[in-house]
Amino acid sequence: MKTIVLIRHAKSSWDENVGDIKRSLSSRGFSDANLVSKAFKTYHFYPDAVYSSPANRALTTCTIFMENLGLPTNKLFVEDVLYDFGGNQVRRFINSLDDHFDKIMIFGHNHAFTSLANSFGDVYIDNLPTSGLAMIDFDNDHWKDLSHGKTRIVLTPKDFK
């Protein structure tokens, strides 16, 4: 069995005049990422590996989650291909994962994550919001064989406000 947790980066700040990949989180982004990650901690999910887009906002969101979940930093891998907004690169990345990993978390971007949550899962999500999380279970032994799974959890910041 394989499990993917897709987490869209938290709300970014537009206050700084920096390139897209360098945008930081807004104060709401920090608050929402803490809110969702602390709620997710109650599910006792411990991934074999954590992957993040190199974008500052995704990596910062990832760091908040890892700290709140008590995950060691040696589980984190930053992957350039996850800086993807369409989803095809992320899908290819997932399909190429080593099969000794059964549970993974990925931090990235929309439209990719809403699209992947809908194509992999069995619950339609109109839009995975910033700091939103979707956990999908698959009855597969190989990442390359993933098709449709079961959406087990969807968490969004407004669920806890």
N, C-alpha and C. Protein backbone atom coordinates (compact mmCIF):
# COMPACT_ATOMS: atom_id res chain seq x y z
N MET A 1 0.84 -1.19 0.00
CA MET A 1 0.00 0.00 0.00
C MET A 1 0.88 1.24 0.00
N LYS A 2 0.50 2.25 -0.77
CA LYS A 2 1.22 3.52 -0.84
C LYS A 2 0.29 4.64 -0.36
N THR A 3 0.89 5.64 0.27
CA THR A 3 0.13 6.80 0.73
C THR A 3 0.89 8.08 0.36
N ILE A 4 0.14 9.03 -0.19
CA ILE A 4 0.69 10.34 -0.53
C ILE A 4 -0.07 11.40 0.26
N VAL A 5 0.65 12.33 0.85
CA VAL A 5 0.05 13.52 1.43
C VAL A 5 0.54 14.70 0.60
N LEU A 6 -0.40 15.34 -0.09
CA LEU A 6 -0.11 16.53 -0.89
C LEU A 6 -0.43 17.75 -0.06
N ILE A 7 0.52 18.66 0.09
CA ILE A 7 0.30 19.87 0.88
C ILE A 7 0.67 21.08 0.03
N ARG A 8 -0.32 21.92 -0.19
CA ARG A 8 -0.07 23.15 -0.93
C ARG A 8 0.60 24.15 0.01
N HIS A 9 1.58 24.86 -0.50
CA HIS A 9 2.27 25.85 0.34
C HIS A 9 1.29 26.83 0.97
N ALA A 10 1.70 27.39 2.08
CA ALA A 10 0.88 28.37 2.79
C ALA A 10 0.83 29.69 2.02
N LYS A 11 -0.05 30.57 2.45
CA LYS A 11 -0.27 31.87 1.80
C LYS A 11 1.04 32.65 1.75
N SER A 12 1.38 33.08 0.56
CA SER A 12 2.64 33.82 0.38
C SER A 12 2.42 35.32 0.50
N SER A 13 3.51 36.00 0.74
CA SER A 13 3.51 37.45 0.85
C SER A 13 3.84 38.07 -0.50
N TRP A 14 3.15 39.15 -0.79
CA TRP A 14 3.43 39.91 -2.01
C TRP A 14 4.07 41.26 -1.66
N ASP A 15 4.50 41.40 -0.40
CA ASP A 15 5.05 42.67 0.07
C ASP A 15 6.47 42.93 -0.44
N GLU A 16 7.19 41.87 -0.73
CA GLU A 16 8.58 42.03 -1.16
C GLU A 16 8.67 42.02 -2.69
N ASN A 17 9.61 42.75 -3.21
CA ASN A 17 9.82 42.78 -4.66
C ASN A 17 10.88 41.74 -5.01
N VAL A 18 10.45 40.45 -5.02
CA VAL A 18 11.37 39.34 -5.31
C VAL A 18 10.74 38.45 -6.38
N GLY A 19 11.53 37.61 -6.97
CA GLY A 19 11.03 36.65 -7.95
C GLY A 19 10.12 35.63 -7.30
N ASP A 20 9.31 34.97 -8.11
CA ASP A 20 8.32 34.02 -7.63
C ASP A 20 8.91 32.97 -6.71
N ILE A 21 10.02 32.39 -7.08
CA ILE A 21 10.60 31.29 -6.30
C ILE A 21 11.10 31.75 -4.93
N LYS A 22 11.33 33.05 -4.77
CA LYS A 22 11.86 33.58 -3.50
C LYS A 22 10.80 34.16 -2.58
N ARG A 23 9.53 34.18 -3.02
CA ARG A 23 8.49 34.78 -2.18
C ARG A 23 8.38 34.05 -0.84
N SER A 24 8.24 34.81 0.22
CA SER A 24 8.14 34.24 1.57
C SER A 24 6.66 34.10 1.95
N LEU A 25 6.44 33.59 3.15
CA LEU A 25 5.07 33.45 3.64
C LEU A 25 4.59 34.75 4.27
N SER A 26 3.29 34.96 4.17
CA SER A 26 2.66 36.08 4.87
C SER A 26 2.44 35.64 6.32
N SER A 27 2.04 36.57 7.17
CA SER A 27 1.77 36.20 8.57
C SER A 27 0.60 35.21 8.62
N ARG A 28 -0.39 35.39 7.77
CA ARG A 28 -1.49 34.43 7.70
C ARG A 28 -0.98 33.05 7.26
N GLY A 29 -0.02 33.04 6.35
CA GLY A 29 0.57 31.78 5.90
C GLY A 29 1.20 31.02 7.05
N PHE A 30 1.98 31.71 7.87
CA PHE A 30 2.59 31.06 9.04
C PHE A 30 1.51 30.52 9.97
N SER A 31 0.50 31.32 10.23
CA SER A 31 -0.58 30.93 11.13
C SER A 31 -1.33 29.71 10.60
N ASP A 32 -1.71 29.75 9.31
CA ASP A 32 -2.47 28.64 8.72
C ASP A 32 -1.66 27.35 8.65
N ALA A 33 -0.38 27.45 8.32
CA ALA A 33 0.47 26.25 8.25
C ALA A 33 0.59 25.62 9.64
N ASN A 34 0.72 26.44 10.66
CA ASN A 34 0.77 25.92 12.02
C ASN A 34 -0.56 25.27 12.42
N LEU A 35 -1.65 25.90 12.05
CA LEU A 35 -2.98 25.39 12.38
C LEU A 35 -3.22 24.01 11.76
N VAL A 36 -2.97 23.88 10.46
CA VAL A 36 -3.23 22.62 9.76
C VAL A 36 -2.24 21.54 10.20
N SER A 37 -0.97 21.90 10.35
CA SER A 37 0.02 20.88 10.74
C SER A 37 -0.24 20.34 12.15
N LYS A 38 -0.67 21.19 13.05
CA LYS A 38 -0.98 20.73 14.41
C LYS A 38 -2.22 19.84 14.42
N ALA A 39 -3.19 20.16 13.57
CA ALA A 39 -4.37 19.30 13.45
C ALA A 39 -3.99 17.96 12.82
N PHE A 40 -3.12 18.00 11.82
CA PHE A 40 -2.69 16.78 11.14
C PHE A 40 -1.89 15.86 12.07
N LYS A 41 -1.23 16.45 13.03
CA LYS A 41 -0.43 15.65 13.98
C LYS A 41 -1.29 14.60 14.69
N THR A 42 -2.56 14.89 14.89
CA THR A 42 -3.46 13.95 15.58
C THR A 42 -3.70 12.68 14.77
N TYR A 43 -3.34 12.68 13.50
CA TYR A 43 -3.52 11.49 12.65
C TYR A 43 -2.32 10.53 12.75
N HIS A 44 -1.27 10.94 13.43
CA HIS A 44 -0.08 10.09 13.66
C HIS A 44 0.49 9.52 12.36
N PHE A 45 0.63 10.38 11.38
CA PHE A 45 1.21 9.98 10.09
C PHE A 45 2.71 10.28 10.11
N TYR A 46 3.51 9.26 9.89
CA TYR A 46 4.95 9.42 9.88
C TYR A 46 5.49 8.95 8.53
N PRO A 47 5.80 9.89 7.65
CA PRO A 47 6.23 9.52 6.30
C PRO A 47 7.64 8.93 6.27
N ASP A 48 7.87 8.13 5.24
CA ASP A 48 9.20 7.59 5.00
C ASP A 48 10.11 8.66 4.42
N ALA A 49 9.51 9.59 3.68
CA ALA A 49 10.27 10.68 3.06
C ALA A 49 9.36 11.88 2.87
N VAL A 50 9.97 13.07 2.90
CA VAL A 50 9.27 14.33 2.70
C VAL A 50 9.97 15.05 1.55
N TYR A 51 9.18 15.50 0.58
CA TYR A 51 9.73 16.19 -0.58
C TYR A 51 9.12 17.57 -0.68
N SER A 52 9.95 18.53 -1.08
CA SER A 52 9.46 19.90 -1.23
C SER A 52 9.99 20.53 -2.50
N SER A 53 9.16 21.38 -3.05
CA SER A 53 9.59 22.29 -4.10
C SER A 53 10.67 23.19 -3.50
N PRO A 54 11.59 23.69 -4.33
CA PRO A 54 12.61 24.59 -3.81
C PRO A 54 12.10 26.01 -3.55
N ALA A 55 10.88 26.31 -3.93
CA ALA A 55 10.33 27.65 -3.70
C ALA A 55 10.31 27.95 -2.20
N ASN A 56 10.71 29.14 -1.84
CA ASN A 56 10.80 29.54 -0.44
C ASN A 56 9.50 29.28 0.31
N ARG A 57 8.37 29.64 -0.30
CA ARG A 57 7.08 29.49 0.39
C ARG A 57 6.73 28.01 0.63
N ALA A 58 7.11 27.13 -0.29
CA ALA A 58 6.85 25.70 -0.11
C ALA A 58 7.79 25.11 0.94
N LEU A 59 9.06 25.48 0.86
CA LEU A 59 10.04 24.95 1.79
C LEU A 59 9.79 25.44 3.22
N THR A 60 9.35 26.68 3.37
CA THR A 60 9.01 27.20 4.70
C THR A 60 7.79 26.48 5.26
N THR A 61 6.79 26.25 4.42
CA THR A 61 5.61 25.50 4.84
C THR A 61 6.02 24.10 5.29
N CYS A 62 6.87 23.48 4.51
CA CYS A 62 7.39 22.14 4.82
C CYS A 62 8.09 22.13 6.18
N THR A 63 8.92 23.12 6.43
CA THR A 63 9.65 23.21 7.69
C THR A 63 8.69 23.33 8.88
N ILE A 64 7.65 24.13 8.72
CA ILE A 64 6.66 24.29 9.79
C ILE A 64 6.00 22.94 10.08
N PHE A 65 5.57 22.25 9.04
CA PHE A 65 4.95 20.94 9.23
C PHE A 65 5.90 19.95 9.89
N MET A 66 7.12 19.89 9.39
CA MET A 66 8.08 18.93 9.95
C MET A 66 8.35 19.20 11.42
N GLU A 67 8.49 20.47 11.79
CA GLU A 67 8.71 20.81 13.21
C GLU A 67 7.51 20.41 14.05
N ASN A 68 6.31 20.75 13.60
CA ASN A 68 5.11 20.44 14.38
C ASN A 68 4.81 18.95 14.44
N LEU A 69 5.23 18.21 13.43
CA LEU A 69 5.02 16.76 13.43
C LEU A 69 6.17 16.00 14.09
N GLY A 70 7.25 16.71 14.41
CA GLY A 70 8.40 16.08 15.04
C GLY A 70 9.18 15.19 14.08
N LEU A 71 9.25 15.58 12.82
CA LEU A 71 9.96 14.77 11.81
C LEU A 71 11.41 15.22 11.71
N PRO A 72 12.33 14.29 11.62
CA PRO A 72 13.75 14.65 11.49
C PRO A 72 14.06 15.23 10.11
N THR A 73 15.00 16.16 10.08
CA THR A 73 15.35 16.84 8.82
C THR A 73 15.99 15.90 7.81
N ASN A 74 16.51 14.76 8.24
CA ASN A 74 17.14 13.85 7.28
C ASN A 74 16.11 13.14 6.39
N LYS A 75 14.83 13.33 6.65
CA LYS A 75 13.78 12.79 5.79
C LYS A 75 13.43 13.74 4.65
N LEU A 76 13.94 14.97 4.70
CA LEU A 76 13.58 16.01 3.73
C LEU A 76 14.49 16.00 2.51
N PHE A 77 13.85 16.06 1.34
CA PHE A 77 14.55 16.14 0.06
C PHE A 77 13.92 17.27 -0.75
N VAL A 78 14.73 18.22 -1.19
CA VAL A 78 14.24 19.33 -2.02
C VAL A 78 14.46 18.93 -3.47
N GLU A 79 13.37 18.98 -4.25
CA GLU A 79 13.40 18.51 -5.63
C GLU A 79 12.93 19.62 -6.57
N ASP A 80 13.81 20.03 -7.49
CA ASP A 80 13.49 21.09 -8.44
C ASP A 80 12.24 20.79 -9.27
N VAL A 81 12.01 19.53 -9.62
CA VAL A 81 10.86 19.19 -10.47
C VAL A 81 9.53 19.44 -9.78
N LEU A 82 9.54 19.64 -8.47
CA LEU A 82 8.30 19.92 -7.74
C LEU A 82 7.89 21.38 -7.83
N TYR A 83 8.74 22.21 -8.41
CA TYR A 83 8.36 23.60 -8.69
C TYR A 83 7.58 23.55 -10.02
N ASP A 84 6.36 23.02 -9.91
CA ASP A 84 5.53 22.69 -11.06
C ASP A 84 4.11 23.14 -10.76
N PHE A 85 3.50 23.80 -11.72
CA PHE A 85 2.16 24.32 -11.51
C PHE A 85 1.10 23.54 -12.27
N GLY A 86 1.51 22.71 -13.22
CA GLY A 86 0.56 21.93 -14.01
C GLY A 86 0.30 20.55 -13.45
N GLY A 87 1.31 19.91 -12.88
CA GLY A 87 1.14 18.61 -12.27
C GLY A 87 1.84 17.47 -12.98
N ASN A 88 2.18 17.63 -14.27
CA ASN A 88 2.81 16.53 -15.00
C ASN A 88 4.17 16.16 -14.43
N GLN A 89 4.98 17.16 -14.09
CA GLN A 89 6.30 16.87 -13.51
C GLN A 89 6.16 16.19 -12.16
N VAL A 90 5.20 16.64 -11.36
CA VAL A 90 4.99 16.03 -10.04
C VAL A 90 4.54 14.58 -10.20
N ARG A 91 3.64 14.33 -11.13
CA ARG A 91 3.16 12.97 -11.38
C ARG A 91 4.32 12.06 -11.80
N ARG A 92 5.16 12.53 -12.72
CA ARG A 92 6.32 11.74 -13.15
C ARG A 92 7.26 11.48 -11.99
N PHE A 93 7.44 12.48 -11.14
CA PHE A 93 8.29 12.33 -9.96
C PHE A 93 7.74 11.23 -9.04
N ILE A 94 6.45 11.29 -8.75
CA ILE A 94 5.81 10.28 -7.89
C ILE A 94 5.97 8.89 -8.50
N ASN A 95 5.71 8.78 -9.80
CA ASN A 95 5.82 7.48 -10.47
C ASN A 95 7.23 6.93 -10.48
N SER A 96 8.23 7.78 -10.26
CA SER A 96 9.62 7.33 -10.29
C SER A 96 10.20 7.05 -8.89
N LEU A 97 9.40 7.22 -7.85
CA LEU A 97 9.90 7.01 -6.49
C LEU A 97 10.32 5.58 -6.25
N ASP A 98 11.27 5.42 -5.36
CA ASP A 98 11.75 4.10 -4.96
C ASP A 98 10.65 3.39 -4.17
N ASP A 99 10.38 2.16 -4.52
CA ASP A 99 9.28 1.41 -3.92
C ASP A 99 9.51 1.05 -2.45
N HIS A 100 10.72 1.25 -1.92
CA HIS A 100 10.89 0.96 -0.49
C HIS A 100 10.24 2.05 0.37
N PHE A 101 9.86 3.19 -0.23
CA PHE A 101 9.06 4.20 0.46
C PHE A 101 7.59 3.84 0.29
N ASP A 102 6.85 3.81 1.37
CA ASP A 102 5.41 3.55 1.29
C ASP A 102 4.57 4.78 1.57
N LYS A 103 5.10 5.69 2.40
CA LYS A 103 4.34 6.88 2.81
C LYS A 103 5.20 8.12 2.56
N ILE A 104 4.67 9.04 1.77
CA ILE A 104 5.42 10.26 1.48
C ILE A 104 4.55 11.50 1.67
N MET A 105 5.22 12.62 1.90
CA MET A 105 4.59 13.93 1.92
C MET A 105 5.27 14.77 0.86
N ILE A 106 4.47 15.56 0.13
CA ILE A 106 5.02 16.44 -0.89
C ILE A 106 4.45 17.84 -0.70
N PHE A 107 5.33 18.83 -0.71
CA PHE A 107 4.93 20.24 -0.58
C PHE A 107 5.15 20.93 -1.91
N GLY A 108 4.10 21.58 -2.41
CA GLY A 108 4.22 22.22 -3.71
C GLY A 108 3.14 23.24 -3.97
N HIS A 109 2.67 23.26 -5.21
CA HIS A 109 1.93 24.39 -5.74
C HIS A 109 0.62 23.98 -6.41
N ASN A 110 -0.23 24.98 -6.55
CA ASN A 110 -1.44 24.81 -7.35
C ASN A 110 -1.14 25.30 -8.75
N HIS A 111 -1.80 24.91 -9.61
CA HIS A 111 -2.92 24.07 -9.94
C HIS A 111 -2.54 22.60 -9.85
N ALA A 112 -1.26 22.32 -9.80
CA ALA A 112 -0.77 20.94 -9.79
C ALA A 112 -1.41 20.11 -8.67
N PHE A 113 -1.46 20.63 -7.46
CA PHE A 113 -1.90 19.80 -6.34
C PHE A 113 -3.41 19.55 -6.33
N THR A 114 -4.19 20.54 -6.74
CA THR A 114 -5.63 20.30 -6.87
C THR A 114 -5.88 19.26 -7.95
N SER A 115 -5.20 19.42 -9.07
CA SER A 115 -5.35 18.48 -10.19
C SER A 115 -4.95 17.06 -9.78
N LEU A 116 -3.83 16.91 -9.10
CA LEU A 116 -3.37 15.58 -8.68
C LEU A 116 -4.30 14.98 -7.62
N ALA A 117 -4.75 15.79 -6.68
CA ALA A 117 -5.68 15.29 -5.66
C ALA A 117 -6.95 14.75 -6.31
N ASN A 118 -7.41 15.44 -7.35
CA ASN A 118 -8.62 15.00 -8.04
C ASN A 118 -8.39 13.80 -8.95
N SER A 119 -7.25 13.73 -9.59
CA SER A 119 -7.02 12.60 -10.49
C SER A 119 -6.62 11.34 -9.73
N PHE A 120 -5.94 11.49 -8.60
CA PHE A 120 -5.55 10.33 -7.79
C PHE A 120 -6.65 9.90 -6.82
N GLY A 121 -7.36 10.86 -6.24
CA GLY A 121 -8.30 10.57 -5.17
C GLY A 121 -9.72 10.32 -5.65
N ASP A 122 -10.59 9.98 -4.69
CA ASP A 122 -11.98 9.69 -5.01
C ASP A 122 -12.94 10.75 -4.46
N VAL A 123 -12.40 11.87 -4.01
CA VAL A 123 -13.21 12.99 -3.53
C VAL A 123 -12.85 14.21 -4.37
N TYR A 124 -13.85 14.85 -4.96
CA TYR A 124 -13.58 16.03 -5.77
C TYR A 124 -13.28 17.22 -4.87
N ILE A 125 -12.18 17.90 -5.17
CA ILE A 125 -11.78 19.11 -4.45
C ILE A 125 -11.80 20.24 -5.46
N ASP A 126 -12.66 21.23 -5.24
CA ASP A 126 -12.77 22.35 -6.18
C ASP A 126 -11.45 23.10 -6.26
N ASN A 127 -10.84 23.35 -5.11
CA ASN A 127 -9.56 24.06 -5.05
C ASN A 127 -8.89 23.71 -3.73
N LEU A 128 -7.71 23.13 -3.80
CA LEU A 128 -6.95 22.88 -2.58
C LEU A 128 -6.34 24.21 -2.17
N PRO A 129 -6.83 24.81 -1.07
CA PRO A 129 -6.37 26.15 -0.70
C PRO A 129 -4.95 26.14 -0.16
N THR A 130 -4.38 27.32 0.00
CA THR A 130 -3.07 27.43 0.62
C THR A 130 -3.13 26.78 2.00
N SER A 131 -2.08 26.05 2.35
CA SER A 131 -1.98 25.23 3.57
C SER A 131 -2.93 24.04 3.56
N GLY A 132 -3.62 23.80 2.45
CA GLY A 132 -4.52 22.66 2.34
C GLY A 132 -3.76 21.37 2.17
N LEU A 133 -4.35 20.30 2.66
CA LEU A 133 -3.71 18.99 2.68
C LEU A 133 -4.70 17.94 2.19
N ALA A 134 -4.22 17.02 1.35
CA ALA A 134 -5.02 15.87 0.92
C ALA A 134 -4.18 14.61 1.09
N MET A 135 -4.72 13.64 1.81
CA MET A 135 -4.04 12.34 1.98
C MET A 135 -4.79 11.30 1.16
N ILE A 136 -4.04 10.58 0.33
CA ILE A 136 -4.63 9.60 -0.56
C ILE A 136 -3.91 8.26 -0.38
N ASP A 137 -4.70 7.21 -0.17
CA ASP A 137 -4.18 5.86 -0.04
C ASP A 137 -4.38 5.11 -1.34
N PHE A 138 -3.41 4.26 -1.69
CA PHE A 138 -3.46 3.47 -2.91
C PHE A 138 -3.23 2.01 -2.56
N ASP A 139 -3.97 1.14 -3.22
CA ASP A 139 -3.78 -0.29 -3.04
C ASP A 139 -2.80 -0.78 -4.10
N ASN A 140 -1.58 -0.25 -4.03
CA ASN A 140 -0.52 -0.57 -4.98
C ASN A 140 0.77 -0.83 -4.22
N ASP A 141 1.65 -1.62 -4.81
CA ASP A 141 2.96 -1.85 -4.24
C ASP A 141 4.05 -1.06 -4.96
N HIS A 142 3.71 -0.49 -6.11
CA HIS A 142 4.70 0.21 -6.93
C HIS A 142 4.20 1.60 -7.30
N TRP A 143 5.04 2.60 -7.06
CA TRP A 143 4.69 3.98 -7.38
C TRP A 143 4.36 4.15 -8.86
N LYS A 144 5.04 3.41 -9.71
CA LYS A 144 4.82 3.57 -11.15
C LYS A 144 3.43 3.10 -11.58
N ASP A 145 2.76 2.32 -10.73
CA ASP A 145 1.45 1.78 -11.06
C ASP A 145 0.29 2.57 -10.48
N LEU A 146 0.54 3.70 -9.84
CA LEU A 146 -0.55 4.43 -9.20
C LEU A 146 -1.58 4.88 -10.22
N SER A 147 -2.83 4.70 -9.86
CA SER A 147 -3.91 5.24 -10.69
C SER A 147 -4.89 5.94 -9.75
N HIS A 148 -5.99 5.27 -9.41
CA HIS A 148 -6.95 5.88 -8.50
C HIS A 148 -6.81 5.30 -7.10
N GLY A 149 -6.88 6.19 -6.13
CA GLY A 149 -6.81 5.78 -4.75
C GLY A 149 -8.02 6.27 -3.98
N LYS A 150 -7.92 6.19 -2.67
CA LYS A 150 -8.99 6.63 -1.79
C LYS A 150 -8.52 7.85 -1.00
N THR A 151 -9.25 8.93 -1.13
CA THR A 151 -8.95 10.14 -0.38
C THR A 151 -9.37 9.90 1.07
N ARG A 152 -8.39 9.85 1.94
CA ARG A 152 -8.67 9.56 3.35
C ARG A 152 -8.89 10.83 4.16
N ILE A 153 -8.13 11.87 3.86
CA ILE A 153 -8.21 13.10 4.65
C ILE A 153 -8.08 14.30 3.72
N VAL A 154 -8.90 15.31 3.95
CA VAL A 154 -8.71 16.63 3.36
C VAL A 154 -8.81 17.62 4.51
N LEU A 155 -7.77 18.41 4.72
CA LEU A 155 -7.76 19.43 5.77
C LEU A 155 -7.47 20.78 5.15
N THR A 156 -8.21 21.78 5.58
CA THR A 156 -7.96 23.15 5.11
C THR A 156 -7.95 24.07 6.33
N PRO A 157 -7.30 25.22 6.23
CA PRO A 157 -7.25 26.13 7.37
C PRO A 157 -8.63 26.52 7.89
N LYS A 158 -9.59 26.73 6.98
CA LYS A 158 -10.90 27.19 7.47
C LYS A 158 -11.64 26.10 8.25
N ASP A 159 -11.19 24.84 8.15
CA ASP A 159 -11.78 23.77 8.97
C ASP A 159 -11.51 24.00 10.46
N PHE A 160 -10.53 24.84 10.77
CA PHE A 160 -10.10 25.01 12.16
C PHE A 160 -10.23 26.45 12.66
N LYS A 161 -10.96 27.26 11.92
CA LYS A 161 -11.13 28.67 12.33
C LYS A 161 -12.55 28.91 12.80
